[in-house]
Amino acid sequence: MLKAARNDIDLWLVNYQQIQDPALLEQYAQFLSPEEVKRHERFAFTRDKQQFLVTRALIRWVLSQYLGLDDPGSLEFGASSNGKPELLIETTLQFNLTHTRGLIALAVMQVEPVGIDVEFLSRQADIVNLAERYFARKEAEELLALPVEQWNERFYDLWTLKEAYLKACGTGLRTPLSEFCFSFNGETLDISFSDLLGGDSTAWKFWQLDIDKAFRLSLAVNDRKGHDYRLRVKKGLPVAGFSDISPAIIRTSIR
């Protein structure tokens, strides 16, 4: 049984594209609920089927380890009033899941709401249009003032932070992206809120990680009690095993 202390944040990373063992994939399929089996069967492309299968296996296998359950398939999930996924059992365990091309990431911790987002840095986006349409004015101006070769990285710095914050809130895109603003100063970052949105910036902690120099990962925790958190990052495969890694923390809100 896995244990997470009150100040631990565990990140579980999986490169689903590396899985070649049919027996392991078959074992993952045994974890799925009947509804998940139907969703899995509806995917037309092999890569999408595998991503879905490994994603569900990861969340079921990892959470069952914390909860001391022998059967990952016995876990039942629902959604909060805001639509955020949650376990249908009484537990203090909090979790959030994200994926992009080549990587799945799961964050697990006790008590406090957590949000996580990851993006593939080489993914192309209509940066100017998206920044001017969705970002706070200050964010868009600072991004577009950078040399063009730095736009893509800064765009995903901001995008993953915003997604992580919204996922920790549980509100999703119902909260306008332009109503909160991130600012960077070297290895530190800060969040501020518009008068319309309101919010206490001191109640939030953020981390931004470089994963294999190919992915940007951002993590958000709503913490009003000022805990000192410890990040524990693991990479591997459900059932087959995970190893501890130490990705670079590019910046954080913690001073």
Protein backbone atom coordinates (compact mmCIF):
# COMPACT_ATOMS: atom_id res chain seq x y z
CA MET A 1 0.00 0.00 0.00
CA LEU A 2 1.33 3.41 -0.97
CA LYS A 3 1.29 6.26 1.52
CA ALA A 4 1.31 9.99 0.88
CA ALA A 5 2.04 12.31 3.79
CA ARG A 6 0.06 15.52 4.21
CA ASN A 7 2.77 17.53 2.45
CA ASP A 8 3.56 15.06 -0.37
CA ILE A 9 2.56 15.63 -3.99
CA ASP A 10 3.17 12.54 -6.11
CA LEU A 11 3.45 12.82 -9.88
CA TRP A 12 3.16 9.64 -11.96
CA LEU A 13 4.39 9.87 -15.57
CA VAL A 14 3.84 7.32 -18.34
CA ASN A 15 5.03 7.33 -21.96
CA TYR A 16 2.20 5.23 -23.36
CA GLN A 17 3.77 5.05 -26.82
CA GLN A 18 6.60 2.87 -25.51
CA ILE A 19 4.34 0.00 -24.44
CA GLN A 20 4.79 -2.95 -26.79
CA ASP A 21 3.83 -5.89 -24.53
CA PRO A 22 0.40 -7.28 -25.58
CA ALA A 23 0.09 -9.15 -22.26
CA LEU A 24 0.52 -5.92 -20.30
CA LEU A 25 -2.09 -4.14 -22.42
CA GLU A 26 -4.45 -7.06 -21.92
CA GLN A 27 -3.95 -6.77 -18.16
CA TYR A 28 -4.82 -3.09 -18.38
CA ALA A 29 -8.01 -3.95 -20.26
CA GLN A 30 -9.12 -6.06 -17.29
CA PHE A 31 -9.15 -2.91 -15.12
CA LEU A 32 -11.77 -1.12 -17.24
CA SER A 33 -15.38 -0.69 -16.20
CA PRO A 34 -18.10 -1.75 -18.67
CA GLU A 35 -18.62 1.91 -19.63
CA GLU A 36 -14.88 2.38 -20.19
CA VAL A 37 -14.77 -0.75 -22.34
CA LYS A 38 -17.43 0.77 -24.60
CA ARG A 39 -15.53 4.07 -24.82
CA HIS A 40 -12.31 2.18 -25.61
CA GLU A 41 -13.97 0.28 -28.42
CA ARG A 42 -15.28 3.47 -30.04
CA PHE A 43 -11.81 4.86 -30.82
CA ALA A 44 -10.99 4.43 -34.50
CA PHE A 45 -7.20 4.81 -34.32
CA THR A 46 -4.82 2.45 -32.53
CA ARG A 47 -2.84 5.30 -30.90
CA ASP A 48 -6.02 6.78 -29.42
CA LYS A 49 -7.19 3.41 -28.15
CA GLN A 50 -3.84 2.82 -26.46
CA GLN A 51 -3.73 6.28 -24.90
CA PHE A 52 -7.20 5.83 -23.42
CA LEU A 53 -6.45 2.32 -22.17
CA VAL A 54 -3.18 3.29 -20.48
CA THR A 55 -4.71 6.46 -19.01
CA ARG A 56 -7.51 4.54 -17.33
CA ALA A 57 -5.12 1.79 -16.20
CA LEU A 58 -2.79 4.39 -14.67
CA ILE A 59 -5.44 6.14 -12.65
CA ARG A 60 -7.07 2.90 -11.50
CA TRP A 61 -3.83 1.09 -10.65
CA VAL A 62 -2.16 4.02 -8.86
CA LEU A 63 -5.18 5.06 -6.80
CA SER A 64 -5.85 1.46 -5.79
CA GLN A 65 -2.29 1.33 -4.42
CA TYR A 66 -2.97 4.30 -2.13
CA LEU A 67 -6.34 2.93 -1.07
CA GLY A 68 -5.10 -0.60 -0.39
CA LEU A 69 -7.39 -2.23 -2.95
CA ASP A 70 -6.50 -5.48 -4.70
CA ASP A 71 -8.77 -4.88 -7.69
CA PRO A 72 -8.22 -1.60 -9.60
CA GLY A 73 -11.36 -2.37 -11.58
CA SER A 74 -13.48 -2.00 -8.44
CA LEU A 75 -12.92 1.77 -8.21
CA GLU A 76 -15.92 3.93 -9.08
CA PHE A 77 -15.65 7.50 -10.29
CA GLY A 78 -18.07 10.38 -10.40
CA ALA A 79 -17.86 14.14 -10.76
CA SER A 80 -18.14 17.06 -8.38
CA SER A 81 -20.79 19.76 -8.82
CA ASN A 82 -18.28 21.57 -11.06
CA GLY A 83 -17.63 18.45 -13.14
CA LYS A 84 -14.21 17.59 -11.70
CA PRO A 85 -13.59 13.79 -11.57
CA GLU A 86 -13.63 12.31 -8.07
CA LEU A 87 -13.74 8.96 -6.31
CA LEU A 88 -17.13 7.68 -5.13
CA ILE A 89 -15.78 6.61 -1.75
CA GLU A 90 -15.00 8.51 1.44
CA THR A 91 -11.35 9.50 1.23
CA THR A 92 -9.09 12.54 1.65
CA LEU A 93 -7.16 11.51 -1.46
CA GLN A 94 -7.10 14.14 -4.21
CA PHE A 95 -6.03 13.53 -7.81
CA ASN A 96 -5.93 15.09 -11.25
CA LEU A 97 -5.01 13.68 -14.64
CA THR A 98 -3.70 15.10 -17.90
CA HIS A 99 -2.24 13.82 -21.16
CA THR A 100 -0.68 15.02 -24.36
CA ARG A 101 0.94 13.29 -27.30
CA GLY A 102 3.40 10.81 -25.80
CA LEU A 103 2.86 11.48 -22.10
CA ILE A 104 0.24 10.86 -19.41
CA ALA A 105 0.60 12.53 -16.00
CA LEU A 106 -1.30 11.89 -12.77
CA ALA A 107 -1.01 14.05 -9.63
CA VAL A 108 -1.99 12.57 -6.25
CA MET A 109 -2.00 14.23 -2.84
CA GLN A 110 -3.96 14.43 0.40
CA VAL A 111 -6.76 16.89 1.21
CA GLU A 112 -5.99 19.92 -0.97
CA PRO A 113 -7.44 20.36 -4.47
CA VAL A 114 -4.78 19.81 -7.13
CA GLY A 115 -4.64 20.55 -10.85
CA ILE A 116 -2.13 19.40 -13.46
CA ASP A 117 -1.59 20.04 -17.15
CA VAL A 118 1.08 18.92 -19.62
CA GLU A 119 1.75 19.89 -23.23
CA PHE A 120 4.12 18.70 -25.94
CA LEU A 121 6.36 21.70 -26.62
CA SER A 122 6.70 20.99 -30.35
CA ARG A 123 2.95 21.07 -30.86
CA GLN A 124 2.11 23.94 -33.18
CA ALA A 125 -0.55 26.48 -32.20
CA ASP A 126 -1.94 29.74 -33.57
CA ILE A 127 -0.09 31.60 -30.84
CA VAL A 128 -0.89 35.21 -31.75
CA ASN A 129 -4.60 34.59 -32.16
CA LEU A 130 -4.92 32.45 -29.03
CA ALA A 131 -2.87 34.79 -26.85
CA GLU A 132 -4.73 37.92 -27.91
CA ARG A 133 -8.11 36.21 -27.64
CA TYR A 134 -7.76 34.29 -24.38
CA PHE A 135 -4.83 35.54 -22.29
CA ALA A 136 -4.79 38.53 -19.95
CA ARG A 137 -3.56 41.63 -21.78
CA LYS A 138 -0.32 41.75 -19.80
CA GLU A 139 0.42 38.07 -20.57
CA ALA A 140 -0.20 38.54 -24.30
CA GLU A 141 1.88 41.72 -24.49
CA GLU A 142 4.83 40.14 -22.66
CA LEU A 143 4.66 37.00 -24.83
CA LEU A 144 4.56 38.91 -28.11
CA ALA A 145 7.42 41.17 -26.96
CA LEU A 146 9.74 38.15 -26.82
CA PRO A 147 11.82 37.02 -29.82
CA VAL A 148 9.63 34.89 -32.11
CA GLU A 149 11.69 31.76 -31.42
CA GLN A 150 10.64 31.98 -27.75
CA TRP A 151 6.91 32.32 -28.39
CA ASN A 152 6.07 28.63 -28.44
CA GLU A 153 7.72 27.88 -25.10
CA ARG A 154 6.21 30.91 -23.36
CA PHE A 155 2.78 30.10 -24.80
CA TYR A 156 2.86 26.64 -23.24
CA ASP A 157 4.29 28.04 -20.00
CA LEU A 158 1.16 30.16 -19.70
CA TRP A 159 -1.31 27.67 -21.15
CA THR A 160 -0.34 24.82 -18.80
CA LEU A 161 -0.37 27.11 -15.75
CA LYS A 162 -3.83 28.36 -16.64
CA GLU A 163 -5.15 24.85 -17.27
CA ALA A 164 -3.65 23.56 -14.00
CA TYR A 165 -5.25 26.42 -12.07
CA LEU A 166 -8.67 25.86 -13.65
CA LYS A 167 -8.48 22.11 -13.02
CA ALA A 168 -7.60 22.68 -9.37
CA CYS A 169 -10.58 25.03 -9.10
CA GLY A 170 -12.74 22.47 -10.86
CA THR A 171 -14.40 25.14 -13.01
CA GLY A 172 -12.75 24.44 -16.35
CA LEU A 173 -13.17 27.01 -19.10
CA ARG A 174 -16.26 28.44 -17.38
CA THR A 175 -13.70 30.75 -15.77
CA PRO A 176 -12.37 33.11 -18.47
CA LEU A 177 -8.62 32.71 -19.03
CA SER A 178 -8.22 36.47 -19.26
CA GLU A 179 -9.49 37.09 -15.72
CA PHE A 180 -6.32 35.81 -14.03
CA CYS A 181 -2.75 36.62 -14.95
CA PHE A 182 0.63 34.94 -14.46
CA SER A 183 3.84 36.93 -14.31
CA PHE A 184 7.38 35.54 -14.37
CA ASN A 185 10.53 36.79 -12.71
CA GLY A 186 13.40 34.41 -13.32
CA GLU A 187 12.66 31.17 -11.48
CA THR A 188 9.60 32.54 -9.68
CA LEU A 189 6.04 33.16 -10.79
CA ASP A 190 2.96 34.86 -9.41
CA ILE A 191 -0.77 34.85 -10.09
CA SER A 192 -3.10 37.85 -9.87
CA PHE A 193 -6.84 38.12 -10.35
CA SER A 194 -9.09 40.68 -12.00
CA ASP A 195 -11.59 42.61 -9.89
CA LEU A 196 -14.36 40.67 -11.61
CA LEU A 197 -12.96 37.26 -10.68
CA GLY A 198 -11.44 38.09 -7.31
CA GLY A 199 -9.26 35.64 -5.42
CA ASP A 200 -6.44 35.36 -2.92
CA SER A 201 -3.13 34.87 -4.72
CA THR A 202 -1.45 33.76 -1.48
CA ALA A 203 -3.75 30.72 -1.34
CA TRP A 204 -2.13 29.17 -4.42
CA LYS A 205 1.10 27.30 -5.03
CA PHE A 206 2.44 26.55 -8.51
CA TRP A 207 5.27 24.51 -9.97
CA GLN A 208 6.41 24.31 -13.59
CA LEU A 209 8.56 21.35 -14.67
CA ASP A 210 10.60 20.45 -17.72
CA ILE A 211 9.97 16.80 -18.62
CA ASP A 212 12.60 15.29 -20.92
CA LYS A 213 13.07 18.70 -22.62
CA ALA A 214 10.01 17.82 -24.67
CA PHE A 215 7.07 18.59 -22.38
CA ARG A 216 5.98 21.45 -20.16
CA LEU A 217 4.15 20.34 -17.02
CA SER A 218 2.41 22.72 -14.60
CA LEU A 219 0.97 21.92 -11.20
CA ALA A 220 -1.42 23.99 -9.06
CA VAL A 221 -2.47 23.46 -5.44
CA ASN A 222 -5.06 25.45 -3.52
CA ASP A 223 -3.51 25.73 -0.06
CA ARG A 224 -4.63 28.33 2.47
CA LYS A 225 -2.57 26.92 5.35
CA GLY A 226 0.92 27.43 3.96
CA HIS A 227 2.20 23.86 3.92
CA ASP A 228 5.72 23.07 2.74
CA TYR A 229 5.22 20.53 -0.03
CA ARG A 230 7.53 17.82 -1.30
CA LEU A 231 7.30 16.78 -4.96
CA ARG A 232 7.91 13.09 -5.65
CA VAL A 233 8.07 12.30 -9.37
CA LYS A 234 7.95 8.78 -10.77
CA LYS A 235 8.11 7.51 -14.33
CA GLY A 236 7.28 4.05 -15.60
CA LEU A 237 4.33 1.79 -16.38
CA PRO A 238 1.34 0.66 -14.32
CA VAL A 239 1.86 -2.87 -12.95
CA ALA A 240 5.33 -3.13 -14.56
CA GLY A 241 6.82 -0.58 -12.16
CA PHE A 242 7.98 3.03 -11.69
CA SER A 243 11.32 4.66 -10.91
CA ASP A 244 11.98 7.95 -9.12
CA ILE A 245 13.15 10.80 -11.36
CA SER A 246 14.16 14.41 -10.69
CA PRO A 247 12.95 16.67 -13.50
CA ALA A 248 14.08 20.29 -13.49
CA ILE A 249 11.75 22.74 -11.75
CA ILE A 250 11.82 25.68 -14.14
CA ARG A 251 9.93 28.04 -11.85
CA THR A 252 7.65 28.04 -8.83
CA SER A 253 5.54 30.46 -6.81
CA ILE A 254 7.28 29.31 -3.62
CA ARG A 255 9.88 31.79 -2.37
